[in-house]
């Protein structure tokens, strides 16, 4: 199969508003509010172009005190981290079955939604794994269906120069990537990590 295209990168932060301010200071680009998710998270977005974007996600500052967001390790996160990435796909049930036959389980297919600040509701489906990994080198799959893609909503933009990963056993990661028809450069490193090099008004910036 043809390799699936990047949909978005996920930059997890322990404090959403503080994380957005830090990102703005580093890059010179101010992300725009995306919206709130069920489960106590919210996000801000920056575009890479018409079909891809960066999601800054953290605990929703408007959620109640009992909210304990677990997505992307937010429950225990203390410093910002490039935590995950997504590739755009369709027919997720079939793709999950094929990936499992190839030796990798992308997780279950689940629906999600959020409402943009302008009142437009976004609905999508994605694959979700229930494990404690804090950094996911293998992307989750996402299908926006008929929902307008977030990157097509006039987001402020910066450039994604490169995106890669490192892992103590790169070949094992490459095998799992192939199972979901995703492609990513993976080098040997002391621990699982994602790294994105950005072209910004303030010069080169690296997220990891």
Protein backbone atom coordinates (compact mmCIF):
# COMPACT_ATOMS: atom_id res chain seq x y z
CA UNK A 1 0.00 0.00 0.00
CA UNK A 2 1.01 3.62 -0.43
CA UNK A 3 2.35 5.18 2.75
CA UNK A 4 -0.26 7.24 4.57
CA UNK A 5 0.17 11.01 4.79
CA UNK A 6 0.92 12.93 7.96
CA UNK A 7 -2.21 14.41 9.50
CA UNK A 8 -0.84 16.08 12.62
CA UNK A 9 1.78 16.04 15.36
CA UNK A 10 0.77 16.04 19.03
CA UNK A 11 2.71 18.28 21.42
CA UNK A 12 1.54 17.55 24.96
CA UNK A 13 1.95 20.19 27.68
CA UNK A 14 1.17 20.00 31.41
CA UNK A 15 -0.38 23.51 31.46
CA UNK A 16 -2.18 24.41 28.25
CA UNK A 17 -2.18 28.20 28.46
CA UNK A 18 1.40 28.36 29.71
CA UNK A 19 2.44 25.93 26.99
CA UNK A 20 0.85 28.08 24.30
CA UNK A 21 2.62 31.17 25.60
CA UNK A 22 5.97 29.36 25.66
CA UNK A 23 5.44 28.09 22.12
CA UNK A 24 4.51 31.58 20.91
CA UNK A 25 7.64 33.04 22.47
CA UNK A 26 9.89 30.40 20.93
CA UNK A 27 8.44 30.47 17.42
CA UNK A 28 6.90 33.91 16.94
CA UNK A 29 3.66 32.20 15.85
CA UNK A 30 0.61 32.25 18.14
CA UNK A 31 -1.52 29.10 17.96
CA UNK A 32 -5.29 29.45 17.75
CA UNK A 33 -7.72 27.70 20.07
CA UNK A 34 -9.12 24.50 18.67
CA UNK A 35 -11.63 23.50 21.32
CA UNK A 36 -12.37 21.16 24.22
CA UNK A 37 -12.59 17.37 24.13
CA UNK A 38 -14.63 15.01 26.28
CA UNK A 39 -12.33 13.72 29.01
CA UNK A 40 -10.88 17.02 30.14
CA UNK A 41 -8.43 18.06 27.41
CA UNK A 42 -8.34 21.03 25.05
CA UNK A 43 -6.06 22.10 22.23
CA UNK A 44 -4.51 24.92 20.24
CA UNK A 45 -3.41 24.54 16.63
CA UNK A 46 -0.78 25.73 14.16
CA UNK A 47 -0.83 24.70 10.51
CA UNK A 48 1.96 23.15 8.45
CA UNK A 49 0.00 23.60 5.22
CA UNK A 50 -3.44 22.72 3.86
CA UNK A 51 -3.36 19.10 5.04
CA UNK A 52 -1.26 18.90 8.22
CA UNK A 53 -0.91 20.73 11.53
CA UNK A 54 0.57 20.78 15.02
CA UNK A 55 -1.77 20.16 17.94
CA UNK A 56 -0.78 21.56 21.33
CA UNK A 57 -2.85 19.58 23.83
CA UNK A 58 -3.15 19.85 27.59
CA UNK A 59 -5.62 19.75 30.46
CA UNK A 60 -8.64 21.90 29.65
CA UNK A 61 -8.40 25.04 31.83
CA UNK A 62 -12.22 25.26 31.71
CA UNK A 63 -12.77 21.67 32.91
CA UNK A 64 -13.90 20.95 36.44
CA UNK A 65 -11.47 20.13 39.27
CA UNK A 66 -12.31 16.42 39.05
CA UNK A 67 -11.16 16.07 35.43
CA UNK A 68 -8.12 13.82 35.12
CA UNK A 69 -7.07 13.73 31.47
CA UNK A 70 -5.05 10.59 30.68
CA UNK A 71 -4.48 11.06 26.96
CA UNK A 72 -0.83 11.29 25.87
CA UNK A 73 0.41 10.85 29.43
CA UNK A 74 -1.07 14.16 30.60
CA UNK A 75 -1.98 12.75 34.01
CA UNK A 76 1.70 12.60 35.00
CA UNK A 77 3.31 14.98 32.49
CA UNK A 78 5.59 17.62 34.03
CA UNK A 79 7.34 19.08 30.95
CA UNK A 80 6.18 19.61 27.35
CA UNK A 81 6.81 16.66 25.05
CA UNK A 82 6.25 15.71 21.42
CA UNK A 83 4.14 12.72 22.33
CA UNK A 84 2.51 11.29 19.21
CA UNK A 85 1.52 11.74 15.60
CA UNK A 86 -1.35 10.81 13.35
CA UNK A 87 -1.71 9.69 9.76
CA UNK A 88 -4.83 10.24 7.69
CA UNK A 89 -6.68 7.13 6.54
CA UNK A 90 -10.08 5.75 5.65
CA UNK A 91 -11.80 2.43 6.41
CA UNK A 92 -10.08 2.21 9.78
CA UNK A 93 -11.64 -1.11 10.75
CA UNK A 94 -10.04 -2.79 7.73
CA UNK A 95 -6.70 -1.12 8.35
CA UNK A 96 -6.72 -2.23 11.99
CA UNK A 97 -7.42 -5.81 10.91
CA UNK A 98 -4.56 -5.74 8.39
CA UNK A 99 -2.15 -4.22 10.91
CA UNK A 100 -2.98 -6.93 13.44
CA UNK A 101 -2.35 -9.59 10.80
CA UNK A 102 1.07 -7.97 10.29
CA UNK A 103 1.87 -8.15 13.99
CA UNK A 104 0.92 -4.72 15.33
CA UNK A 105 -2.28 -3.75 17.14
CA UNK A 106 -3.25 -0.09 16.55
CA UNK A 107 -6.01 -0.36 19.14
CA UNK A 108 -9.74 0.06 18.87
CA UNK A 109 -11.51 2.46 16.52
CA UNK A 110 -13.35 5.14 18.50
CA UNK A 111 -15.33 8.29 17.66
CA UNK A 112 -14.38 11.70 19.05
CA UNK A 113 -15.63 15.25 18.65
CA UNK A 114 -15.09 18.82 19.69
CA UNK A 115 -16.75 22.16 19.03
CA UNK A 116 -14.65 24.98 17.58
CA UNK A 117 -14.85 28.44 19.14
CA UNK A 118 -17.06 29.51 16.20
CA UNK A 119 -19.58 26.80 17.09
CA UNK A 120 -18.75 24.35 14.30
CA UNK A 121 -18.77 20.75 15.54
CA UNK A 122 -15.97 18.48 14.34
CA UNK A 123 -16.46 14.69 14.35
CA UNK A 124 -13.84 12.08 13.54
CA UNK A 125 -12.80 8.51 14.28
CA UNK A 126 -9.36 7.32 15.30
CA UNK A 127 -7.47 4.35 16.66
CA UNK A 128 -6.76 4.32 20.40
CA UNK A 129 -4.33 2.11 22.32
CA UNK A 130 -4.79 1.69 26.06
CA UNK A 131 -1.21 1.38 27.25
CA UNK A 132 1.11 3.53 29.40
CA UNK A 133 3.51 4.60 26.62
CA UNK A 134 4.39 8.27 27.07
CA UNK A 135 5.78 8.68 23.54
CA UNK A 136 4.21 6.84 20.63
CA UNK A 137 6.54 6.35 17.68
CA UNK A 138 3.90 4.49 15.66
CA UNK A 139 1.14 6.87 14.57
CA UNK A 140 -2.51 6.51 15.33
CA UNK A 141 -4.90 6.50 12.38
CA UNK A 142 -7.51 9.20 11.93
CA UNK A 143 -10.44 9.65 9.56
CA UNK A 144 -12.17 13.04 9.45
CA UNK A 145 -14.99 11.79 7.24
CA UNK A 146 -17.07 14.73 6.07
CA UNK A 147 -15.75 17.06 8.77
CA UNK A 148 -13.65 19.99 7.47
CA UNK A 149 -9.99 19.28 8.14
CA UNK A 150 -8.58 21.55 10.89
CA UNK A 151 -5.62 22.56 8.72
CA UNK A 152 -8.01 24.01 6.14
CA UNK A 153 -9.52 26.52 8.58
CA UNK A 154 -7.03 29.36 8.09
CA UNK A 155 -4.58 28.39 10.82
CA UNK A 156 -1.42 30.44 11.39
CA UNK A 157 1.42 28.57 9.74
CA UNK A 158 5.02 27.58 10.21
CA UNK A 159 7.21 25.13 8.32
CA UNK A 160 7.84 21.49 9.20
CA UNK A 161 11.42 20.97 8.00
CA UNK A 162 11.85 17.39 9.22
CA UNK A 163 10.23 14.84 11.51
CA UNK A 164 11.97 11.71 12.82
CA UNK A 165 12.23 9.29 15.74
CA UNK A 166 14.80 7.41 17.78
CA UNK A 167 14.54 4.13 19.70
CA UNK A 168 16.91 1.58 21.28
CA UNK A 169 15.65 -1.00 18.73
CA UNK A 170 14.90 0.92 15.51
CA UNK A 171 14.11 -2.18 13.46
CA UNK A 172 11.23 -3.16 15.74
CA UNK A 173 9.71 0.28 15.25
CA UNK A 174 10.16 0.11 11.48
CA UNK A 175 8.27 -3.18 11.45
CA UNK A 176 5.35 -1.67 13.37
CA UNK A 177 5.35 1.39 11.12
CA UNK A 178 5.12 -0.85 8.05
CA UNK A 179 2.16 -2.65 9.63
CA UNK A 180 0.10 0.55 9.51
CA UNK A 181 1.53 1.73 6.17
CA UNK A 182 3.36 4.65 7.77
CA UNK A 183 6.86 5.88 7.03
CA UNK A 184 9.22 7.62 9.44
CA UNK A 185 12.99 7.85 9.75
CA UNK A 186 14.00 5.97 12.93
CA UNK A 187 17.55 6.05 14.28
CA UNK A 188 19.08 4.32 17.29
CA UNK A 189 18.84 6.24 20.55
CA UNK A 190 18.78 5.68 24.31
CA UNK A 191 15.00 6.01 24.64
CA UNK A 192 11.88 6.35 22.48
CA UNK A 193 11.65 9.93 21.22
CA UNK A 194 10.06 12.00 18.48
CA UNK A 195 11.73 15.12 17.10
CA UNK A 196 10.37 17.81 14.78
CA UNK A 197 12.43 20.63 13.31
CA UNK A 198 10.38 23.73 12.55
CA UNK A 199 11.02 26.76 10.38
CA UNK A 200 9.64 29.75 12.28
CA UNK A 201 9.81 33.57 12.18
CA UNK A 202 12.22 33.32 15.13
CA UNK A 203 14.49 30.87 13.31
CA UNK A 204 14.85 27.07 13.61
CA UNK A 205 13.01 25.47 16.55
CA UNK A 206 13.12 21.83 17.62
CA UNK A 207 10.29 20.09 19.44
CA UNK A 208 11.04 16.79 21.15
